[in-house]
Amino acid sequence: MSIVYILVPIAILFVLIAIGVFFWAVKGEQFSDLNKQGHSILFEDDKEQHNKSND
């Protein structure tokens, strides 16, 4: 039963760290444009090939 006195504060610490990281990511605008990364993966090669053909 004494292990509970150690595990509960550790669990609370982990939750506080996770909440802090989440708010840090929101403050840093990590979630401002969720579609940008998906579009950059799909259309990145097209832009590079288009630029090479213009040179």
N, C-alpha and C. Protein backbone atom coordinates (compact mmCIF):
# COMPACT_ATOMS: atom_id res chain seq x y z
N MET A 1 0.82 -1.20 0.00
CA MET A 1 0.00 0.00 0.00
C MET A 1 0.87 1.26 0.00
N SER A 2 2.08 1.16 0.50
CA SER A 2 2.94 2.34 0.56
C SER A 2 3.40 2.77 -0.84
N ILE A 3 3.37 1.86 -1.80
CA ILE A 3 3.77 2.22 -3.17
C ILE A 3 2.80 3.23 -3.78
N VAL A 4 1.56 3.23 -3.32
CA VAL A 4 0.56 4.19 -3.81
C VAL A 4 1.01 5.62 -3.49
N TYR A 5 1.65 5.82 -2.36
CA TYR A 5 2.12 7.15 -1.97
C TYR A 5 3.23 7.65 -2.90
N ILE A 6 3.86 6.76 -3.61
CA ILE A 6 4.90 7.14 -4.57
C ILE A 6 4.31 7.27 -5.98
N LEU A 7 3.44 6.34 -6.35
CA LEU A 7 2.92 6.32 -7.72
C LEU A 7 1.93 7.45 -8.00
N VAL A 8 1.11 7.80 -7.04
CA VAL A 8 0.12 8.86 -7.26
C VAL A 8 0.80 10.21 -7.54
N PRO A 9 1.79 10.65 -6.76
CA PRO A 9 2.47 11.91 -7.12
C PRO A 9 3.20 11.85 -8.46
N ILE A 10 3.76 10.70 -8.79
CA ILE A 10 4.42 10.57 -10.09
C ILE A 10 3.40 10.68 -11.22
N ALA A 11 2.24 10.06 -11.05
CA ALA A 11 1.18 10.15 -12.06
C ALA A 11 0.69 11.59 -12.20
N ILE A 12 0.53 12.27 -11.10
CA ILE A 12 0.10 13.67 -11.15
C ILE A 12 1.15 14.52 -11.84
N LEU A 13 2.42 14.26 -11.59
CA LEU A 13 3.51 14.99 -12.24
C LEU A 13 3.48 14.77 -13.76
N PHE A 14 3.27 13.53 -14.18
CA PHE A 14 3.18 13.24 -15.61
C PHE A 14 2.01 13.96 -16.27
N VAL A 15 0.88 14.00 -15.59
CA VAL A 15 -0.29 14.70 -16.12
C VAL A 15 -0.01 16.19 -16.24
N LEU A 16 0.62 16.78 -15.24
CA LEU A 16 0.95 18.19 -15.31
C LEU A 16 1.94 18.50 -16.42
N ILE A 17 2.90 17.62 -16.63
CA ILE A 17 3.85 17.81 -17.73
C ILE A 17 3.14 17.71 -19.08
N ALA A 18 2.24 16.75 -19.22
CA ALA A 18 1.50 16.60 -20.48
C ALA A 18 0.62 17.82 -20.75
N ILE A 19 -0.03 18.33 -19.73
CA ILE A 19 -0.85 19.53 -19.90
C ILE A 19 0.03 20.72 -20.27
N GLY A 20 1.19 20.84 -19.64
CA GLY A 20 2.11 21.93 -19.96
C GLY A 20 2.61 21.85 -21.39
N VAL A 21 2.94 20.66 -21.86
CA VAL A 21 3.40 20.49 -23.24
C VAL A 21 2.27 20.81 -24.22
N PHE A 22 1.05 20.41 -23.89
CA PHE A 22 -0.08 20.72 -24.76
C PHE A 22 -0.29 22.22 -24.88
N PHE A 23 -0.30 22.93 -23.76
CA PHE A 23 -0.50 24.38 -23.82
C PHE A 23 0.67 25.08 -24.49
N TRP A 24 1.88 24.55 -24.34
CA TRP A 24 3.04 25.11 -25.04
C TRP A 24 2.87 24.97 -26.55
N ALA A 25 2.37 23.81 -27.00
CA ALA A 25 2.16 23.60 -28.42
C ALA A 25 1.06 24.50 -28.96
N VAL A 26 0.01 24.69 -28.19
CA VAL A 26 -1.07 25.59 -28.63
C VAL A 26 -0.57 27.02 -28.69
N LYS A 27 0.19 27.43 -27.71
CA LYS A 27 0.73 28.80 -27.68
C LYS A 27 1.70 29.02 -28.84
N GLY A 28 2.44 27.98 -29.22
CA GLY A 28 3.39 28.08 -30.32
C GLY A 28 2.74 27.91 -31.69
N GLU A 29 1.41 27.87 -31.73
CA GLU A 29 0.61 27.76 -32.96
C GLU A 29 0.95 26.51 -33.76
N GLN A 30 1.20 25.40 -33.07
CA GLN A 30 1.46 24.15 -33.74
C GLN A 30 0.22 23.59 -34.42
N PHE A 31 -0.97 23.98 -33.93
CA PHE A 31 -2.20 23.44 -34.45
C PHE A 31 -2.96 24.46 -35.30
N SER A 32 -2.30 25.51 -35.76
CA SER A 32 -3.00 26.58 -36.47
C SER A 32 -3.44 26.14 -37.87
N ASP A 33 -2.64 25.36 -38.57
CA ASP A 33 -2.99 24.91 -39.92
C ASP A 33 -2.67 23.42 -40.03
N LEU A 34 -3.68 22.60 -39.80
CA LEU A 34 -3.46 21.15 -39.78
C LEU A 34 -3.34 20.56 -41.18
N ASN A 35 -3.82 21.24 -42.20
CA ASN A 35 -3.78 20.70 -43.55
C ASN A 35 -2.49 21.04 -44.29
N LYS A 36 -1.73 21.98 -43.79
CA LYS A 36 -0.52 22.44 -44.49
C LYS A 36 0.48 21.31 -44.69
N GLN A 37 0.73 20.52 -43.66
CA GLN A 37 1.72 19.46 -43.76
C GLN A 37 1.27 18.37 -44.74
N GLY A 38 -0.01 18.06 -44.74
CA GLY A 38 -0.52 17.06 -45.68
C GLY A 38 -0.39 17.53 -47.12
N HIS A 39 -0.66 18.79 -47.36
CA HIS A 39 -0.54 19.34 -48.72
C HIS A 39 0.92 19.43 -49.15
N SER A 40 1.80 19.77 -48.22
CA SER A 40 3.21 19.90 -48.59
C SER A 40 3.81 18.54 -48.96
N ILE A 41 3.33 17.49 -48.34
CA ILE A 41 3.81 16.15 -48.69
C ILE A 41 3.34 15.76 -50.08
N LEU A 42 2.09 16.07 -50.39
CA LEU A 42 1.51 15.66 -51.67
C LEU A 42 2.04 16.46 -52.85
N PHE A 43 2.29 17.75 -52.64
CA PHE A 43 2.60 18.62 -53.77
C PHE A 43 4.03 19.13 -53.77
N GLU A 44 4.89 18.64 -52.91
CA GLU A 44 6.27 19.11 -52.84
C GLU A 44 7.05 18.74 -54.10
N ASP A 45 6.92 17.53 -54.60
CA ASP A 45 7.65 17.10 -55.78
C ASP A 45 7.22 17.87 -57.02
N ASP A 46 5.95 18.20 -57.11
CA ASP A 46 5.46 18.95 -58.26
C ASP A 46 6.12 20.32 -58.34
N LYS A 47 6.30 20.99 -57.22
CA LYS A 47 6.93 22.30 -57.21
C LYS A 47 8.40 22.20 -57.62
N GLU A 48 9.11 21.18 -57.12
CA GLU A 48 10.52 21.03 -57.46
C GLU A 48 10.70 20.71 -58.94
N GLN A 49 9.86 19.84 -59.49
CA GLN A 49 9.97 19.51 -60.91
C GLN A 49 9.60 20.71 -61.78
N HIS A 50 8.64 21.49 -61.33
CA HIS A 50 8.24 22.68 -62.09
C HIS A 50 9.36 23.70 -62.11
N ASN A 51 10.04 23.87 -60.98
CA ASN A 51 11.15 24.82 -60.91
C ASN A 51 12.34 24.35 -61.75
N LYS A 52 12.61 23.06 -61.80
CA LYS A 52 13.71 22.53 -62.60
C LYS A 52 13.45 22.69 -64.08
N SER A 53 12.20 22.55 -64.50
CA SER A 53 11.89 22.67 -65.92
C SER A 53 11.97 24.12 -66.39
N ASN A 54 11.82 25.08 -65.48
CA ASN A 54 11.91 26.50 -65.84
C ASN A 54 13.36 26.98 -65.92
N ASP A 55 14.29 26.25 -65.36
CA ASP A 55 15.70 26.69 -65.36
C ASP A 55 16.36 26.47 -66.68
